[in-house]
Structure formats: structure tokens, C-alpha cells
């Protein structure tokens, strides 16, 4: 059973935790996480998932202005514009932000995730698409499915 969640939102990366002079530690991304949860909360299940899950994530980041056309063709992408996003933010920080935000909401704990597929692409409409498949156990004995092809 696969569930797909889509959120129209400019993806943000997890910022490093900060330390105050008095020694307290805080998360500078906490406001962004709350904003993201407000956007996705109505799509989430009432109870967090307790079974192992495979998750596929596509971050759709906005095109830089240099790749967008102007004038009569405003809003269209130039022909030479790339589709793959290969600059900052780093994909692992985007993933960390997402898993920290959804921890306890979509799944009980992110340790339940046994397979992650992820990609960053450019899009006119930024957002994130999350596809979750609940599985009771893995399809095969291999950790990497390159060996078996399943």
C-alpha cells in the first residue's frame, strides 16, 4: 500500500543547531518545521505508521531567475535550463529536515525507514512529493537491491 503526500512549499534544509552564550542549544529550523507541518498535517494519517517503510522523496526547488524568460514569455523556462538541481541545499540536509519534521507524525520514529530514494529537481512550482510504502518485511535478503534486481 503506497501513500503519496504533496506539499507546495519552497523546500528548506535543516540548519545546524546553535549554542547560546549561556550554553543552551536550540534548533534554528524549528519555525520552518512548524510551517511545513501546518501544510502537510491534513494529509497525514491519524496514527503514525508503526511498520517498516520505504520512502521516495522528490524535492522540487525553484528555478533561479537566470533560467526564467521575461517579457512576452514571462514564467516560461529557457531551453538551456537544467532539470536536475545540483547545488545547495544539500540533499542530506533536506532529508534531515523532512524526517525531523515528520517524526512522530507520519511515522513513530525515523528508524522505521529501511529504504530511501531521493532526488532534487528544478520546478516552476516548488514543493516536495513524498511516497511512502508500508512493508511488513523486505522483499529479499539483500540490503542493496542492485544485487537482486527486485
C-alpha atoms as a PDB file:
ATOM      1  CA  UNK A   1       0.000   0.000   0.000  1.00  0.00           C
ATOM      2  CA  UNK A   2       1.591   3.282  -1.108  1.00  0.00           C
ATOM      3  CA  UNK A   3       0.567   6.748   0.059  1.00  0.00           C
ATOM      4  CA  UNK A   4       1.589   9.934  -1.713  1.00  0.00           C
ATOM      5  CA  UNK A   5       1.840  13.296   0.020  1.00  0.00           C
ATOM      6  CA  UNK A   6       2.402  16.516  -1.932  1.00  0.00           C
ATOM      7  CA  UNK A   7       3.170  19.907  -0.439  1.00  0.00           C
ATOM      8  CA  UNK A   8       3.511  23.148  -2.425  1.00  0.00           C
ATOM      9  CA  UNK A   9       6.266  24.839  -0.485  1.00  0.00           C
ATOM     10  CA  UNK A  10       9.831  26.047  -1.028  1.00  0.00           C
ATOM     11  CA  UNK A  11      11.942  23.190   0.414  1.00  0.00           C
ATOM     12  CA  UNK A  12      14.322  24.148   3.191  1.00  0.00           C
ATOM     13  CA  UNK A  13      17.344  22.366   4.591  1.00  0.00           C
ATOM     14  CA  UNK A  14      17.972  21.503   8.228  1.00  0.00           C
ATOM     15  CA  UNK A  15      20.145  24.205   9.774  1.00  0.00           C
ATOM     16  CA  UNK A  16      22.821  23.261  12.282  1.00  0.00           C
ATOM     17  CA  UNK A  17      21.833  23.537  15.912  1.00  0.00           C
ATOM     18  CA  UNK A  18      23.062  26.714  17.599  1.00  0.00           C
ATOM     19  CA  UNK A  19      24.518  27.298  21.047  1.00  0.00           C
ATOM     20  CA  UNK A  20      23.848  30.398  23.107  1.00  0.00           C
ATOM     21  CA  UNK A  21      26.413  32.050  25.334  1.00  0.00           C
ATOM     22  CA  UNK A  22      24.654  30.600  28.361  1.00  0.00           C
ATOM     23  CA  UNK A  23      25.129  27.086  26.969  1.00  0.00           C
ATOM     24  CA  UNK A  24      21.601  26.382  25.714  1.00  0.00           C
ATOM     25  CA  UNK A  25      21.158  24.562  22.423  1.00  0.00           C
ATOM     26  CA  UNK A  26      18.335  25.456  20.034  1.00  0.00           C
ATOM     27  CA  UNK A  27      17.145  24.426  16.588  1.00  0.00           C
ATOM     28  CA  UNK A  28      17.039  27.391  14.162  1.00  0.00           C
ATOM     29  CA  UNK A  29      14.817  25.343  11.808  1.00  0.00           C
ATOM     30  CA  UNK A  30      12.010  24.843  14.342  1.00  0.00           C
ATOM     31  CA  UNK A  31       9.791  27.613  12.895  1.00  0.00           C
ATOM     32  CA  UNK A  32      10.225  26.238   9.372  1.00  0.00           C
ATOM     33  CA  UNK A  33       9.324  22.741  10.607  1.00  0.00           C
ATOM     34  CA  UNK A  34       6.124  24.038  12.212  1.00  0.00           C
ATOM     35  CA  UNK A  35       5.214  25.868   8.981  1.00  0.00           C
ATOM     36  CA  UNK A  36       5.816  22.696   6.951  1.00  0.00           C
ATOM     37  CA  UNK A  37       3.723  20.596   9.354  1.00  0.00           C
ATOM     38  CA  UNK A  38       0.804  23.026   9.032  1.00  0.00           C
ATOM     39  CA  UNK A  39       0.864  22.479   5.261  1.00  0.00           C
ATOM     40  CA  UNK A  40       1.024  18.668   5.383  1.00  0.00           C
ATOM     41  CA  UNK A  41      -0.922  17.875   8.584  1.00  0.00           C
ATOM     42  CA  UNK A  42      -4.303  17.424   6.865  1.00  0.00           C
ATOM     43  CA  UNK A  43      -2.776  14.759   4.547  1.00  0.00           C
ATOM     44  CA  UNK A  44      -1.136  12.680   7.286  1.00  0.00           C
ATOM     45  CA  UNK A  45      -2.751   9.592   8.821  1.00  0.00           C
ATOM     46  CA  UNK A  46      -4.413   9.965  12.234  1.00  0.00           C
ATOM     47  CA  UNK A  47      -1.993   7.486  13.788  1.00  0.00           C
ATOM     48  CA  UNK A  48       1.746   7.393  12.945  1.00  0.00           C
ATOM     49  CA  UNK A  49       2.959   4.371  10.982  1.00  0.00           C
ATOM     50  CA  UNK A  50       4.484   1.652  13.190  1.00  0.00           C
ATOM     51  CA  UNK A  51       5.677  -0.745  10.458  1.00  0.00           C
ATOM     52  CA  UNK A  52       8.866  -0.618   8.382  1.00  0.00           C
ATOM     53  CA  UNK A  53       8.533   1.769   5.453  1.00  0.00           C
ATOM     54  CA  UNK A  54      10.202   2.518   2.139  1.00  0.00           C
ATOM     55  CA  UNK A  55      10.115   6.194   1.219  1.00  0.00           C
ATOM     56  CA  UNK A  56      10.694   8.043  -2.035  1.00  0.00           C
ATOM     57  CA  UNK A  57      11.222  11.821  -1.934  1.00  0.00           C
ATOM     58  CA  UNK A  58      11.324  14.348  -4.768  1.00  0.00           C
ATOM     59  CA  UNK A  59      12.260  17.908  -3.857  1.00  0.00           C
ATOM     60  CA  UNK A  60      11.139  20.402  -6.475  1.00  0.00           C
ATOM     61  CA  UNK A  61      13.200  23.547  -5.999  1.00  0.00           C
ATOM     62  CA  UNK A  62      12.507  26.862  -7.743  1.00  0.00           C
ATOM     63  CA  UNK A  63      14.462  27.826 -10.841  1.00  0.00           C
ATOM     64  CA  UNK A  64      16.918  30.710 -10.392  1.00  0.00           C
ATOM     65  CA  UNK A  65      15.799  33.893 -12.169  1.00  0.00           C
ATOM     66  CA  UNK A  66      18.552  33.485 -14.779  1.00  0.00           C
ATOM     67  CA  UNK A  67      16.787  30.379 -16.156  1.00  0.00           C
ATOM     68  CA  UNK A  68      13.364  32.048 -16.464  1.00  0.00           C
ATOM     69  CA  UNK A  69      12.253  34.029 -19.506  1.00  0.00           C
ATOM     70  CA  UNK A  70      10.971  37.604 -19.327  1.00  0.00           C
ATOM     71  CA  UNK A  71       8.665  39.857 -21.287  1.00  0.00           C
ATOM     72  CA  UNK A  72       6.106  38.178 -23.521  1.00  0.00           C
ATOM     73  CA  UNK A  73       7.233  34.694 -22.369  1.00  0.00           C
ATOM     74  CA  UNK A  74       7.404  35.525 -18.654  1.00  0.00           C
ATOM     75  CA  UNK A  75       7.078  32.467 -16.435  1.00  0.00           C
ATOM     76  CA  UNK A  76       8.462  30.035 -19.013  1.00  0.00           C
ATOM     77  CA  UNK A  77      11.792  28.276 -18.606  1.00  0.00           C
ATOM     78  CA  UNK A  78      14.639  28.873 -21.065  1.00  0.00           C
ATOM     79  CA  UNK A  79      15.509  25.979 -23.391  1.00  0.00           C
ATOM     80  CA  UNK A  80      19.013  25.505 -21.966  1.00  0.00           C
ATOM     81  CA  UNK A  81      17.819  25.390 -18.333  1.00  0.00           C
ATOM     82  CA  UNK A  82      18.814  22.229 -16.423  1.00  0.00           C
ATOM     83  CA  UNK A  83      16.183  19.976 -14.857  1.00  0.00           C
ATOM     84  CA  UNK A  84      18.443  18.387 -12.230  1.00  0.00           C
ATOM     85  CA  UNK A  85      19.275  20.505  -9.174  1.00  0.00           C
ATOM     86  CA  UNK A  86      22.954  20.002  -8.304  1.00  0.00           C
ATOM     87  CA  UNK A  87      23.730  22.900  -5.972  1.00  0.00           C
ATOM     88  CA  UNK A  88      22.876  23.887  -2.418  1.00  0.00           C
ATOM     89  CA  UNK A  89      20.901  22.998  -0.351  1.00  0.00           C
ATOM     90  CA  UNK A  90      22.474  19.589   0.173  1.00  0.00           C
ATOM     91  CA  UNK A  91      20.140  16.651  -0.265  1.00  0.00           C
ATOM     92  CA  UNK A  92      21.080  15.136   3.121  1.00  0.00           C
ATOM     93  CA  UNK A  93      20.099  18.352   4.936  1.00  0.00           C
ATOM     94  CA  UNK A  94      16.771  18.441   3.077  1.00  0.00           C
ATOM     95  CA  UNK A  95      16.212  14.823   4.098  1.00  0.00           C
ATOM     96  CA  UNK A  96      17.091  15.533   7.737  1.00  0.00           C
ATOM     97  CA  UNK A  97      14.643  18.466   7.830  1.00  0.00           C
ATOM     98  CA  UNK A  98      11.872  16.281   6.394  1.00  0.00           C
ATOM     99  CA  UNK A  99      12.463  13.305   8.696  1.00  0.00           C
ATOM    100  CA  UNK A 100      12.754  15.514  11.800  1.00  0.00           C
ATOM    101  CA  UNK A 101       9.503  17.267  10.866  1.00  0.00           C
ATOM    102  CA  UNK A 102       7.571  14.049  10.235  1.00  0.00           C
ATOM    103  CA  UNK A 103       8.992  12.128  13.208  1.00  0.00           C
ATOM    104  CA  UNK A 104       6.050  11.196  15.443  1.00  0.00           C
ATOM    105  CA  UNK A 105       3.531  12.479  12.859  1.00  0.00           C
ATOM    106  CA  UNK A 106       3.853  10.277   9.744  1.00  0.00           C
ATOM    107  CA  UNK A 107       5.926   7.529  11.377  1.00  0.00           C
ATOM    108  CA  UNK A 108       6.624   6.685  15.010  1.00  0.00           C
ATOM    109  CA  UNK A 109      10.365   7.086  14.540  1.00  0.00           C
ATOM    110  CA  UNK A 110      12.586   7.544  11.506  1.00  0.00           C
ATOM    111  CA  UNK A 111      14.429   4.327  12.418  1.00  0.00           C
ATOM    112  CA  UNK A 112      11.476   2.515  10.745  1.00  0.00           C
ATOM    113  CA  UNK A 113      12.641   3.730   7.329  1.00  0.00           C
ATOM    114  CA  UNK A 114      14.589   0.924   5.682  1.00  0.00           C
ATOM    115  CA  UNK A 115      14.758   2.252   2.106  1.00  0.00           C
ATOM    116  CA  UNK A 116      15.115   5.850   0.893  1.00  0.00           C
ATOM    117  CA  UNK A 117      15.051   7.058  -2.711  1.00  0.00           C
ATOM    118  CA  UNK A 118      15.586  10.785  -3.169  1.00  0.00           C
ATOM    119  CA  UNK A 119      16.114  13.383  -5.862  1.00  0.00           C
ATOM    120  CA  UNK A 120      16.315  17.163  -6.318  1.00  0.00           C
ATOM    121  CA  UNK A 121      14.888  18.747  -9.439  1.00  0.00           C
ATOM    122  CA  UNK A 122      14.023  22.247 -10.636  1.00  0.00           C
ATOM    123  CA  UNK A 123      10.366  23.158 -10.979  1.00  0.00           C
ATOM    124  CA  UNK A 124       8.194  26.167 -11.739  1.00  0.00           C
ATOM    125  CA  UNK A 125       6.064  25.228  -8.707  1.00  0.00           C
ATOM    126  CA  UNK A 126       8.386  24.334  -5.794  1.00  0.00           C
ATOM    127  CA  UNK A 127       7.377  21.663  -3.332  1.00  0.00           C
ATOM    128  CA  UNK A 128       8.039  18.167  -2.097  1.00  0.00           C
ATOM    129  CA  UNK A 129       6.456  14.842  -3.057  1.00  0.00           C
ATOM    130  CA  UNK A 130       6.716  12.005  -0.559  1.00  0.00           C
ATOM    131  CA  UNK A 131       5.729   8.469  -1.482  1.00  0.00           C
ATOM    132  CA  UNK A 132       5.521   6.033   1.425  1.00  0.00           C
ATOM    133  CA  UNK A 133       5.130   2.290   1.097  1.00  0.00           C
ATOM    134  CA  UNK A 134       4.421   0.266   4.216  1.00  0.00           C
ATOM    135  CA  UNK A 135       6.009  -3.164   4.257  1.00  0.00           C
ATOM    136  CA  UNK A 136       5.918  -5.883   6.872  1.00  0.00           C
ATOM    137  CA  UNK A 137       9.284  -7.158   5.754  1.00  0.00           C
ATOM    138  CA  UNK A 138      11.794  -6.650   2.982  1.00  0.00           C
ATOM    139  CA  UNK A 139      11.215  -8.280  -0.379  1.00  0.00           C
ATOM    140  CA  UNK A 140      14.587 -10.008  -0.350  1.00  0.00           C
ATOM    141  CA  UNK A 141      17.598 -10.664   1.852  1.00  0.00           C
ATOM    142  CA  UNK A 142      19.847  -8.058   0.195  1.00  0.00           C
ATOM    143  CA  UNK A 143      20.316  -4.652   1.731  1.00  0.00           C
ATOM    144  CA  UNK A 144      21.072  -3.184  -1.687  1.00  0.00           C
ATOM    145  CA  UNK A 145      18.610  -4.319  -4.357  1.00  0.00           C
ATOM    146  CA  UNK A 146      21.204  -3.838  -7.101  1.00  0.00           C
ATOM    147  CA  UNK A 147      22.266  -7.408  -6.396  1.00  0.00           C
ATOM    148  CA  UNK A 148      18.840  -8.980  -6.891  1.00  0.00           C
ATOM    149  CA  UNK A 149      17.052  -6.540  -9.197  1.00  0.00           C
ATOM    150  CA  UNK A 150      13.775  -6.551  -7.265  1.00  0.00           C
END
